[in-house]
Amino acid sequence: MHPFSPGGKTRAMRSAETPEAAVLVRPATEDELDLLVEQTWSVAAEGRFIGAEVPFDRARRRARLGELLGAETSTVLVADTCAAGGPGVVGHLTVSVAPYGVADIGMLLQAGWRGRGIGRALLDAAIAWATSAGAHKMSLEVWPDNAAAIALYERAGFVVEGRKAKHYRRRNGELWDSILMGRPLP
């Protein structure tokens, strides 16, 4: 059983970057899918951190998160701040292991909760989950101007592996680059 799968153990992770920001990283539940869709909408509305743009099909997003949650080769992890007196789930991370052994991740945190070590706790949990799932590598994409995220990924052992130039067409017509990062797993 994976350490972060339903029925498996969960881990409370305390950030070394901000010890006061204790967060429980655990698998998402079916009951939280609507909340995760709302979080995605909120971050997408900021227009700078994730690939999704508003408006998007909420039902489709919910279904996709449900698929990831229910599959053997993927999971959805949430950052729950209730144990530290916080409001509850303030971010989530998806991880999916491809048949060739690479675990792709996507992560978001709500405004006001970034820079507190919560992203690192989610990332550490995803690395542990992907390792236990048999992945040999993790990969992700990040916008080049997201310096805080790039620094977080580098501290977690990810390295820049390439760049997709003018790859993503945004709704306003702009073409955005993305940076490809990867990290081998033990």
N, C-alpha and C. Protein backbone atom coordinates (compact mmCIF):
# COMPACT_ATOMS: atom_id res chain seq x y z
N MET A 1 0.85 -1.18 0.00
CA MET A 1 0.00 0.00 0.00
C MET A 1 0.89 1.24 0.00
N HIS A 2 0.56 2.21 -0.80
CA HIS A 2 1.33 3.45 -0.86
C HIS A 2 1.14 4.25 0.42
N PRO A 3 2.19 4.95 0.89
CA PRO A 3 2.07 5.68 2.15
C PRO A 3 1.04 6.79 2.12
N PHE A 4 0.59 7.23 0.96
CA PHE A 4 -0.38 8.31 0.90
C PHE A 4 -1.65 7.88 0.19
N SER A 5 -1.90 6.58 0.13
CA SER A 5 -3.11 6.11 -0.53
C SER A 5 -4.23 5.98 0.49
N PRO A 6 -5.49 6.03 0.03
CA PRO A 6 -6.58 5.84 0.98
C PRO A 6 -6.39 4.52 1.71
N GLY A 7 -6.52 4.55 3.00
CA GLY A 7 -6.30 3.36 3.81
C GLY A 7 -4.86 3.25 4.28
N GLY A 8 -3.95 3.97 3.64
CA GLY A 8 -2.56 3.97 4.07
C GLY A 8 -2.36 5.04 5.14
N LYS A 9 -1.17 5.11 5.66
CA LYS A 9 -0.93 6.12 6.69
C LYS A 9 -0.79 7.49 6.05
N THR A 10 -1.05 8.51 6.82
CA THR A 10 -0.80 9.87 6.38
C THR A 10 0.32 10.41 7.23
N ARG A 11 0.91 11.45 6.76
CA ARG A 11 2.04 12.02 7.48
C ARG A 11 1.80 13.49 7.74
N ALA A 12 2.08 13.89 8.97
CA ALA A 12 2.07 15.32 9.27
C ALA A 12 3.45 15.83 8.95
N MET A 13 3.53 16.83 8.14
CA MET A 13 4.82 17.35 7.75
C MET A 13 4.96 18.76 8.30
N ARG A 14 6.02 19.02 8.98
CA ARG A 14 6.29 20.35 9.50
C ARG A 14 7.40 20.93 8.64
N SER A 15 7.17 22.09 8.12
CA SER A 15 8.12 22.71 7.22
C SER A 15 9.35 23.20 7.95
N ALA A 16 10.51 22.93 7.39
CA ALA A 16 11.75 23.47 7.94
C ALA A 16 11.87 24.96 7.63
N GLU A 17 11.19 25.41 6.56
CA GLU A 17 11.28 26.81 6.18
C GLU A 17 10.51 27.72 7.13
N THR A 18 9.36 27.28 7.61
CA THR A 18 8.57 28.05 8.56
C THR A 18 7.96 27.07 9.55
N PRO A 19 8.64 26.80 10.65
CA PRO A 19 8.18 25.77 11.58
C PRO A 19 6.76 26.01 12.10
N GLU A 20 6.29 27.25 12.13
CA GLU A 20 4.94 27.51 12.63
C GLU A 20 3.86 27.07 11.64
N ALA A 21 4.24 26.75 10.43
CA ALA A 21 3.26 26.38 9.42
C ALA A 21 3.14 24.86 9.32
N ALA A 22 2.64 24.22 10.37
CA ALA A 22 2.43 22.78 10.34
C ALA A 22 1.28 22.48 9.38
N VAL A 23 1.45 21.43 8.61
CA VAL A 23 0.43 21.05 7.64
C VAL A 23 0.38 19.54 7.56
N LEU A 24 -0.82 19.01 7.48
CA LEU A 24 -1.01 17.58 7.28
C LEU A 24 -1.19 17.35 5.79
N VAL A 25 -0.31 16.58 5.21
CA VAL A 25 -0.44 16.21 3.80
C VAL A 25 -1.06 14.82 3.78
N ARG A 26 -2.19 14.73 3.08
CA ARG A 26 -2.94 13.48 3.06
C ARG A 26 -3.64 13.34 1.72
N PRO A 27 -4.13 12.13 1.42
CA PRO A 27 -4.89 11.96 0.19
C PRO A 27 -6.19 12.76 0.24
N ALA A 28 -6.59 13.30 -0.88
CA ALA A 28 -7.88 13.97 -0.98
C ALA A 28 -8.98 12.92 -0.85
N THR A 29 -10.17 13.38 -0.51
CA THR A 29 -11.33 12.49 -0.47
C THR A 29 -12.31 12.92 -1.56
N GLU A 30 -13.21 12.02 -1.91
CA GLU A 30 -14.26 12.33 -2.89
C GLU A 30 -15.05 13.57 -2.46
N ASP A 31 -15.29 13.70 -1.16
CA ASP A 31 -16.07 14.82 -0.64
C ASP A 31 -15.38 16.17 -0.86
N GLU A 32 -14.08 16.16 -1.11
CA GLU A 32 -13.33 17.41 -1.28
C GLU A 32 -13.16 17.84 -2.73
N LEU A 33 -13.66 17.05 -3.67
CA LEU A 33 -13.42 17.36 -5.08
C LEU A 33 -13.99 18.72 -5.48
N ASP A 34 -15.17 19.08 -5.00
CA ASP A 34 -15.73 20.39 -5.35
C ASP A 34 -14.84 21.51 -4.81
N LEU A 35 -14.33 21.35 -3.61
CA LEU A 35 -13.41 22.33 -3.03
C LEU A 35 -12.15 22.46 -3.88
N LEU A 36 -11.61 21.34 -4.34
CA LEU A 36 -10.39 21.39 -5.16
C LEU A 36 -10.65 22.08 -6.49
N VAL A 37 -11.82 21.88 -7.05
CA VAL A 37 -12.19 22.58 -8.29
C VAL A 37 -12.26 24.09 -8.02
N GLU A 38 -12.85 24.47 -6.91
CA GLU A 38 -12.93 25.90 -6.55
C GLU A 38 -11.54 26.48 -6.35
N GLN A 39 -10.65 25.73 -5.72
CA GLN A 39 -9.28 26.21 -5.54
C GLN A 39 -8.59 26.39 -6.89
N THR A 40 -8.81 25.44 -7.78
CA THR A 40 -8.23 25.55 -9.12
C THR A 40 -8.76 26.80 -9.82
N TRP A 41 -10.04 27.03 -9.71
CA TRP A 41 -10.65 28.23 -10.32
C TRP A 41 -10.01 29.49 -9.75
N SER A 42 -9.87 29.54 -8.45
CA SER A 42 -9.31 30.71 -7.77
C SER A 42 -7.88 31.00 -8.24
N VAL A 43 -7.05 29.98 -8.30
CA VAL A 43 -5.67 30.17 -8.73
C VAL A 43 -5.62 30.47 -10.23
N ALA A 44 -6.44 29.79 -11.01
CA ALA A 44 -6.48 30.07 -12.46
C ALA A 44 -6.89 31.52 -12.72
N ALA A 45 -7.79 32.04 -11.91
CA ALA A 45 -8.24 33.42 -12.09
C ALA A 45 -7.12 34.43 -11.88
N GLU A 46 -6.08 34.03 -11.15
CA GLU A 46 -4.93 34.92 -10.98
C GLU A 46 -4.16 35.08 -12.29
N GLY A 47 -4.27 34.10 -13.18
CA GLY A 47 -3.70 34.20 -14.52
C GLY A 47 -2.19 34.11 -14.62
N ARG A 48 -1.52 33.55 -13.61
CA ARG A 48 -0.06 33.52 -13.72
C ARG A 48 0.63 32.30 -13.15
N PHE A 49 -0.06 31.43 -12.43
CA PHE A 49 0.65 30.34 -11.77
C PHE A 49 0.42 28.96 -12.39
N ILE A 50 -0.75 28.73 -12.97
CA ILE A 50 -1.05 27.40 -13.52
C ILE A 50 -1.53 27.54 -14.96
N GLY A 51 -1.55 26.41 -15.65
CA GLY A 51 -1.94 26.42 -17.05
C GLY A 51 -3.42 26.65 -17.28
N ALA A 52 -4.24 26.22 -16.34
CA ALA A 52 -5.69 26.40 -16.49
C ALA A 52 -6.04 27.88 -16.50
N GLU A 53 -7.02 28.23 -17.33
CA GLU A 53 -7.53 29.59 -17.38
C GLU A 53 -9.04 29.55 -17.14
N VAL A 54 -9.55 30.59 -16.54
CA VAL A 54 -11.00 30.68 -16.34
C VAL A 54 -11.63 31.38 -17.54
N PRO A 55 -12.82 31.02 -17.92
CA PRO A 55 -13.60 29.94 -17.32
C PRO A 55 -13.16 28.59 -17.86
N PHE A 56 -13.33 27.56 -17.04
CA PHE A 56 -13.13 26.19 -17.51
C PHE A 56 -14.34 25.37 -17.07
N ASP A 57 -14.45 24.18 -17.61
CA ASP A 57 -15.57 23.30 -17.32
C ASP A 57 -15.34 22.65 -15.95
N ARG A 58 -16.08 23.11 -14.97
CA ARG A 58 -15.91 22.64 -13.58
C ARG A 58 -16.23 21.14 -13.46
N ALA A 59 -17.26 20.68 -14.14
CA ALA A 59 -17.64 19.26 -14.05
C ALA A 59 -16.54 18.38 -14.63
N ARG A 60 -15.97 18.84 -15.72
CA ARG A 60 -14.88 18.07 -16.35
C ARG A 60 -13.65 18.03 -15.44
N ARG A 61 -13.32 19.17 -14.82
CA ARG A 61 -12.18 19.23 -13.90
C ARG A 61 -12.42 18.30 -12.71
N ARG A 62 -13.64 18.33 -12.17
CA ARG A 62 -13.99 17.47 -11.04
C ARG A 62 -13.84 16.00 -11.42
N ALA A 63 -14.33 15.64 -12.60
CA ALA A 63 -14.23 14.26 -13.07
C ALA A 63 -12.78 13.83 -13.20
N ARG A 64 -11.94 14.72 -13.74
CA ARG A 64 -10.52 14.39 -13.91
C ARG A 64 -9.85 14.19 -12.56
N LEU A 65 -10.13 15.06 -11.60
CA LEU A 65 -9.57 14.88 -10.26
C LEU A 65 -10.05 13.57 -9.64
N GLY A 66 -11.31 13.23 -9.86
CA GLY A 66 -11.85 11.96 -9.36
C GLY A 66 -11.15 10.76 -9.98
N GLU A 67 -10.86 10.86 -11.28
CA GLU A 67 -10.11 9.78 -11.96
C GLU A 67 -8.73 9.61 -11.34
N LEU A 68 -8.04 10.72 -11.11
CA LEU A 68 -6.70 10.66 -10.52
C LEU A 68 -6.75 10.09 -9.12
N LEU A 69 -7.77 10.45 -8.37
CA LEU A 69 -7.94 9.99 -7.01
C LEU A 69 -8.21 8.49 -6.95
N GLY A 70 -8.95 7.99 -7.93
CA GLY A 70 -9.35 6.60 -7.90
C GLY A 70 -8.45 5.62 -8.63
N ALA A 71 -7.41 6.09 -9.27
CA ALA A 71 -6.55 5.21 -10.06
C ALA A 71 -5.41 4.63 -9.23
N GLU A 72 -4.91 3.51 -9.66
CA GLU A 72 -3.77 2.87 -8.98
C GLU A 72 -2.46 3.62 -9.22
N THR A 73 -2.34 4.29 -10.36
CA THR A 73 -1.08 4.93 -10.73
C THR A 73 -1.10 6.45 -10.54
N SER A 74 -2.06 6.95 -9.78
CA SER A 74 -2.11 8.39 -9.54
C SER A 74 -2.73 8.66 -8.18
N THR A 75 -2.58 9.91 -7.74
CA THR A 75 -3.22 10.33 -6.49
C THR A 75 -3.38 11.84 -6.50
N VAL A 76 -4.17 12.31 -5.58
CA VAL A 76 -4.33 13.73 -5.32
C VAL A 76 -4.04 13.92 -3.84
N LEU A 77 -3.06 14.72 -3.54
CA LEU A 77 -2.69 15.01 -2.16
C LEU A 77 -3.15 16.42 -1.80
N VAL A 78 -3.60 16.60 -0.58
CA VAL A 78 -4.03 17.92 -0.13
C VAL A 78 -3.17 18.37 1.05
N ALA A 79 -3.06 19.68 1.18
CA ALA A 79 -2.39 20.31 2.33
C ALA A 79 -3.48 20.81 3.26
N ASP A 80 -3.61 20.16 4.40
CA ASP A 80 -4.66 20.46 5.36
C ASP A 80 -4.04 21.16 6.56
N THR A 81 -4.48 22.38 6.83
CA THR A 81 -3.91 23.20 7.91
C THR A 81 -4.74 23.16 9.19
N CYS A 82 -5.76 22.32 9.25
CA CYS A 82 -6.63 22.27 10.44
C CYS A 82 -5.84 22.00 11.72
N ALA A 83 -4.86 21.10 11.65
CA ALA A 83 -4.09 20.74 12.84
C ALA A 83 -3.35 21.94 13.42
N ALA A 84 -3.06 22.92 12.58
CA ALA A 84 -2.34 24.11 13.04
C ALA A 84 -3.29 25.29 13.24
N GLY A 85 -4.59 25.00 13.31
CA GLY A 85 -5.56 26.07 13.51
C GLY A 85 -5.90 26.83 12.25
N GLY A 86 -5.54 26.29 11.10
CA GLY A 86 -5.83 26.95 9.83
C GLY A 86 -7.21 26.62 9.32
N PRO A 87 -7.54 27.11 8.14
CA PRO A 87 -8.88 26.95 7.59
C PRO A 87 -9.18 25.58 7.00
N GLY A 88 -8.22 24.70 6.92
CA GLY A 88 -8.43 23.40 6.29
C GLY A 88 -7.55 23.25 5.07
N VAL A 89 -8.09 22.72 3.99
CA VAL A 89 -7.32 22.46 2.77
C VAL A 89 -7.01 23.78 2.08
N VAL A 90 -5.72 24.05 1.88
CA VAL A 90 -5.29 25.31 1.26
C VAL A 90 -4.54 25.10 -0.05
N GLY A 91 -4.40 23.86 -0.48
CA GLY A 91 -3.73 23.57 -1.73
C GLY A 91 -3.75 22.09 -2.00
N HIS A 92 -3.39 21.75 -3.23
CA HIS A 92 -3.33 20.33 -3.58
C HIS A 92 -2.31 20.09 -4.68
N LEU A 93 -1.96 18.82 -4.82
CA LEU A 93 -0.98 18.38 -5.80
C LEU A 93 -1.49 17.10 -6.43
N THR A 94 -1.39 17.00 -7.74
CA THR A 94 -1.73 15.76 -8.43
C THR A 94 -0.43 15.11 -8.89
N VAL A 95 -0.41 13.80 -8.84
CA VAL A 95 0.74 13.04 -9.33
C VAL A 95 0.21 11.83 -10.08
N SER A 96 0.77 11.61 -11.26
CA SER A 96 0.34 10.51 -12.10
C SER A 96 1.57 9.85 -12.72
N VAL A 97 1.69 8.54 -12.53
CA VAL A 97 2.84 7.80 -13.04
C VAL A 97 2.49 7.21 -14.41
N ALA A 98 3.26 7.58 -15.42
CA ALA A 98 3.07 7.08 -16.78
C ALA A 98 3.57 5.63 -16.86
N PRO A 99 3.13 4.88 -17.85
CA PRO A 99 3.58 3.48 -18.00
C PRO A 99 5.10 3.34 -18.12
N TYR A 100 5.77 4.38 -18.57
CA TYR A 100 7.23 4.32 -18.71
C TYR A 100 7.96 4.75 -17.44
N GLY A 101 7.23 4.98 -16.34
CA GLY A 101 7.86 5.18 -15.05
C GLY A 101 8.12 6.60 -14.60
N VAL A 102 7.62 7.59 -15.33
CA VAL A 102 7.83 8.98 -14.93
C VAL A 102 6.55 9.52 -14.29
N ALA A 103 6.71 10.14 -13.12
CA ALA A 103 5.58 10.70 -12.38
C ALA A 103 5.48 12.18 -12.70
N ASP A 104 4.40 12.59 -13.33
CA ASP A 104 4.15 14.00 -13.63
C ASP A 104 3.34 14.61 -12.49
N ILE A 105 3.72 15.84 -12.12
CA ILE A 105 3.01 16.49 -11.02
C ILE A 105 2.51 17.87 -11.45
N GLY A 106 1.48 18.29 -10.76
CA GLY A 106 0.93 19.64 -10.88
C GLY A 106 0.50 20.07 -9.49
N MET A 107 0.80 21.30 -9.13
CA MET A 107 0.54 21.75 -7.76
C MET A 107 -0.01 23.16 -7.77
N LEU A 108 -0.86 23.45 -6.79
CA LEU A 108 -1.31 24.82 -6.58
C LEU A 108 -1.57 25.06 -5.10
N LEU A 109 -1.35 26.31 -4.71
CA LEU A 109 -1.64 26.76 -3.35
C LEU A 109 -2.48 28.03 -3.45
N GLN A 110 -3.40 28.18 -2.53
CA GLN A 110 -4.24 29.36 -2.48
C GLN A 110 -3.40 30.59 -2.14
N ALA A 111 -3.80 31.74 -2.67
CA ALA A 111 -3.15 33.01 -2.33
C ALA A 111 -3.18 33.17 -0.82
N GLY A 112 -2.12 33.69 -0.28
CA GLY A 112 -2.00 33.88 1.15
C GLY A 112 -1.35 32.71 1.86
N TRP A 113 -1.22 31.57 1.19
CA TRP A 113 -0.61 30.39 1.80
C TRP A 113 0.70 30.01 1.12
N ARG A 114 1.12 30.78 0.16
CA ARG A 114 2.39 30.51 -0.53
C ARG A 114 3.54 31.06 0.30
N GLY A 115 4.72 30.46 0.15
CA GLY A 115 5.90 30.95 0.86
C GLY A 115 5.96 30.56 2.32
N ARG A 116 5.15 29.59 2.74
CA ARG A 116 5.12 29.15 4.14
C ARG A 116 5.64 27.73 4.33
N GLY A 117 6.17 27.14 3.27
CA GLY A 117 6.68 25.78 3.37
C GLY A 117 5.64 24.72 3.05
N ILE A 118 4.42 25.13 2.75
CA ILE A 118 3.36 24.17 2.46
C ILE A 118 3.61 23.48 1.11
N GLY A 119 4.08 24.23 0.14
CA GLY A 119 4.41 23.64 -1.16
C GLY A 119 5.48 22.58 -1.01
N ARG A 120 6.47 22.84 -0.16
CA ARG A 120 7.53 21.85 0.06
C ARG A 120 6.98 20.59 0.72
N ALA A 121 6.06 20.76 1.66
CA ALA A 121 5.46 19.59 2.31
C ALA A 121 4.69 18.75 1.28
N LEU A 122 3.92 19.40 0.41
CA LEU A 122 3.22 18.68 -0.65
C LEU A 122 4.20 17.98 -1.59
N LEU A 123 5.25 18.68 -1.96
CA LEU A 123 6.24 18.12 -2.88
C LEU A 123 6.95 16.92 -2.27
N ASP A 124 7.34 17.03 -1.00
CA ASP A 124 8.00 15.91 -0.33
C ASP A 124 7.08 14.69 -0.27
N ALA A 125 5.81 14.92 0.01
CA ALA A 125 4.84 13.82 0.05
C ALA A 125 4.68 13.18 -1.33
N ALA A 126 4.66 14.00 -2.37
CA ALA A 126 4.52 13.48 -3.74
C ALA A 126 5.75 12.66 -4.13
N ILE A 127 6.92 13.12 -3.73
CA ILE A 127 8.15 12.37 -4.01
C ILE A 127 8.09 11.01 -3.33
N ALA A 128 7.66 10.98 -2.07
CA ALA A 128 7.54 9.72 -1.34
C ALA A 128 6.51 8.81 -2.00
N TRP A 129 5.36 9.38 -2.39
CA TRP A 129 4.32 8.57 -3.03
C TRP A 129 4.82 7.99 -4.35
N ALA A 130 5.42 8.83 -5.19
CA ALA A 130 5.89 8.38 -6.50
C ALA A 130 6.98 7.32 -6.37
N THR A 131 7.85 7.48 -5.39
CA THR A 131 8.89 6.48 -5.15
C THR A 131 8.25 5.14 -4.78
N SER A 132 7.29 5.17 -3.86
CA SER A 132 6.64 3.92 -3.45
C SER A 132 5.80 3.32 -4.57
N ALA A 133 5.35 4.15 -5.51
CA ALA A 133 4.57 3.67 -6.66
C ALA A 133 5.45 3.08 -7.76
N GLY A 134 6.78 3.14 -7.58
CA GLY A 134 7.69 2.54 -8.53
C GLY A 134 8.20 3.46 -9.62
N ALA A 135 7.91 4.74 -9.53
CA ALA A 135 8.43 5.69 -10.53
C ALA A 135 9.94 5.81 -10.39
N HIS A 136 10.61 6.05 -11.50
CA HIS A 136 12.06 6.25 -11.45
C HIS A 136 12.44 7.73 -11.59
N LYS A 137 11.44 8.57 -11.90
CA LYS A 137 11.70 9.99 -12.13
C LYS A 137 10.41 10.78 -11.92
N MET A 138 10.58 12.05 -11.55
CA MET A 138 9.45 12.97 -11.49
C MET A 138 9.70 14.09 -12.48
N SER A 139 8.60 14.62 -13.04
CA SER A 139 8.74 15.73 -13.98
C SER A 139 7.61 16.73 -13.76
N LEU A 140 7.85 17.95 -14.22
CA LEU A 140 6.86 19.02 -14.11
C LEU A 140 7.19 20.10 -15.11
N GLU A 141 6.23 20.99 -15.30
CA GLU A 141 6.44 22.20 -16.10
C GLU A 141 6.10 23.39 -15.23
N VAL A 142 6.82 24.48 -15.44
CA VAL A 142 6.60 25.70 -14.67
C VAL A 142 6.82 26.89 -15.59
N TRP A 143 6.06 27.97 -15.35
CA TRP A 143 6.27 29.18 -16.15
C TRP A 143 7.62 29.79 -15.79
N PRO A 144 8.35 30.30 -16.77
CA PRO A 144 9.69 30.86 -16.52
C PRO A 144 9.72 32.02 -15.53
N ASP A 145 8.63 32.77 -15.41
CA ASP A 145 8.65 33.92 -14.49
C ASP A 145 8.21 33.56 -13.07
N ASN A 146 7.97 32.29 -12.79
CA ASN A 146 7.57 31.86 -11.46
C ASN A 146 8.83 31.47 -10.67
N ALA A 147 9.60 32.48 -10.32
CA ALA A 147 10.89 32.26 -9.66
C ALA A 147 10.76 31.53 -8.34
N ALA A 148 9.72 31.81 -7.57
CA ALA A 148 9.55 31.15 -6.28
C ALA A 148 9.33 29.64 -6.47
N ALA A 149 8.51 29.26 -7.43
CA ALA A 149 8.27 27.84 -7.68
C ALA A 149 9.54 27.16 -8.19
N ILE A 150 10.24 27.81 -9.10
CA ILE A 150 11.48 27.23 -9.63
C ILE A 150 12.48 27.00 -8.50
N ALA A 151 12.61 27.97 -7.61
CA ALA A 151 13.53 27.82 -6.47
C ALA A 151 13.09 26.67 -5.57
N LEU A 152 11.80 26.54 -5.31
CA LEU A 152 11.28 25.43 -4.51
C LEU A 152 11.64 24.10 -5.15
N TYR A 153 11.39 23.97 -6.44
CA TYR A 153 11.68 22.71 -7.13
C TYR A 153 13.18 22.41 -7.11
N GLU A 154 14.00 23.42 -7.30
CA GLU A 154 15.45 23.20 -7.26
C GLU A 154 15.90 22.74 -5.87
N ARG A 155 15.35 23.34 -4.81
CA ARG A 155 15.69 22.90 -3.45
C ARG A 155 15.28 21.45 -3.22
N ALA A 156 14.26 20.99 -3.93
CA ALA A 156 13.79 19.61 -3.79
C ALA A 156 14.53 18.65 -4.74
N GLY A 157 15.55 19.13 -5.43
CA GLY A 157 16.37 18.27 -6.27
C GLY A 157 16.00 18.23 -7.74
N PHE A 158 15.05 19.05 -8.16
CA PHE A 158 14.70 19.11 -9.58
C PHE A 158 15.73 19.97 -10.32
N VAL A 159 15.98 19.63 -11.56
CA VAL A 159 16.88 20.42 -12.41
C VAL A 159 16.15 20.77 -13.70
N VAL A 160 16.55 21.87 -14.29
CA VAL A 160 15.98 22.28 -15.57
C VAL A 160 16.47 21.32 -16.64
N GLU A 161 15.52 20.77 -17.40
CA GLU A 161 15.86 19.82 -18.46
C GLU A 161 15.56 20.37 -19.86
N GLY A 162 14.89 21.48 -19.91
CA GLY A 162 14.58 22.04 -21.22
C GLY A 162 13.55 23.15 -21.13
N ARG A 163 13.15 23.59 -22.29
CA ARG A 163 12.20 24.70 -22.38
C ARG A 163 11.32 24.48 -23.60
N LYS A 164 10.05 24.71 -23.44
CA LYS A 164 9.11 24.73 -24.56
C LYS A 164 8.89 26.19 -24.91
N ALA A 165 9.42 26.61 -26.05
CA ALA A 165 9.34 28.02 -26.45
C ALA A 165 8.02 28.31 -27.15
N LYS A 166 7.35 29.38 -26.70
CA LYS A 166 6.09 29.82 -27.29
C LYS A 166 5.14 28.64 -27.53
N HIS A 167 5.00 27.82 -26.52
CA HIS A 167 4.28 26.55 -26.64
C HIS A 167 2.80 26.65 -26.27
N TYR A 168 2.49 27.47 -25.30
CA TYR A 168 1.12 27.54 -24.78
C TYR A 168 0.44 28.84 -25.21
N ARG A 169 -0.65 28.69 -25.98
CA ARG A 169 -1.42 29.87 -26.39
C ARG A 169 -2.42 30.17 -25.28
N ARG A 170 -2.32 31.37 -24.74
CA ARG A 170 -3.24 31.82 -23.70
C ARG A 170 -4.48 32.42 -24.36
N ARG A 171 -5.52 32.56 -23.60
CA ARG A 171 -6.78 33.08 -24.16
C ARG A 171 -6.61 34.48 -24.75
N ASN A 172 -5.67 35.25 -24.23
CA ASN A 172 -5.46 36.61 -24.75
C ASN A 172 -4.59 36.61 -26.01
N GLY A 173 -4.21 35.43 -26.48
CA GLY A 173 -3.41 35.31 -27.69
C GLY A 173 -1.92 35.22 -27.46
N GLU A 174 -1.45 35.54 -26.25
CA GLU A 174 -0.02 35.44 -25.96
C GLU A 174 0.45 33.99 -26.05
N LEU A 175 1.71 33.83 -26.46
CA LEU A 175 2.33 32.50 -26.50
C LEU A 175 3.35 32.44 -25.37
N TRP A 176 3.16 31.51 -24.45
CA TRP A 176 4.02 31.40 -23.27
C TRP A 176 4.97 30.23 -23.39
N ASP A 177 6.17 30.44 -22.87
CA ASP A 177 7.16 29.37 -22.72
C ASP A 177 6.86 28.61 -21.43
N SER A 178 7.39 27.40 -21.32
CA SER A 178 7.41 26.70 -20.04
C SER A 178 8.78 26.07 -19.87
N ILE A 179 9.17 25.92 -18.63
CA ILE A 179 10.42 25.26 -18.29
C ILE A 179 10.11 23.85 -17.85
N LEU A 180 10.84 22.89 -18.40
CA LEU A 180 10.71 21.48 -18.03
C LEU A 180 11.72 21.17 -16.94
N MET A 181 11.27 20.56 -15.86
CA MET A 181 12.16 20.19 -14.75
C MET A 181 11.95 18.72 -14.43
N GLY A 182 13.01 18.07 -13.99
CA GLY A 182 12.93 16.68 -13.63
C GLY A 182 13.79 16.36 -12.42
N ARG A 183 13.49 15.23 -11.80
CA ARG A 183 14.23 14.78 -10.61
C ARG A 183 14.22 13.26 -10.61
N PRO A 184 15.43 12.63 -10.57
CA PRO A 184 15.45 11.18 -10.46
C PRO A 184 14.97 10.77 -9.06
N LEU A 185 14.38 9.60 -8.97
CA LEU A 185 13.94 9.06 -7.68
C LEU A 185 14.84 7.90 -7.27
N PRO A 186 14.92 7.66 -5.97
CA PRO A 186 15.80 6.56 -5.50
C PRO A 186 15.35 5.21 -6.03
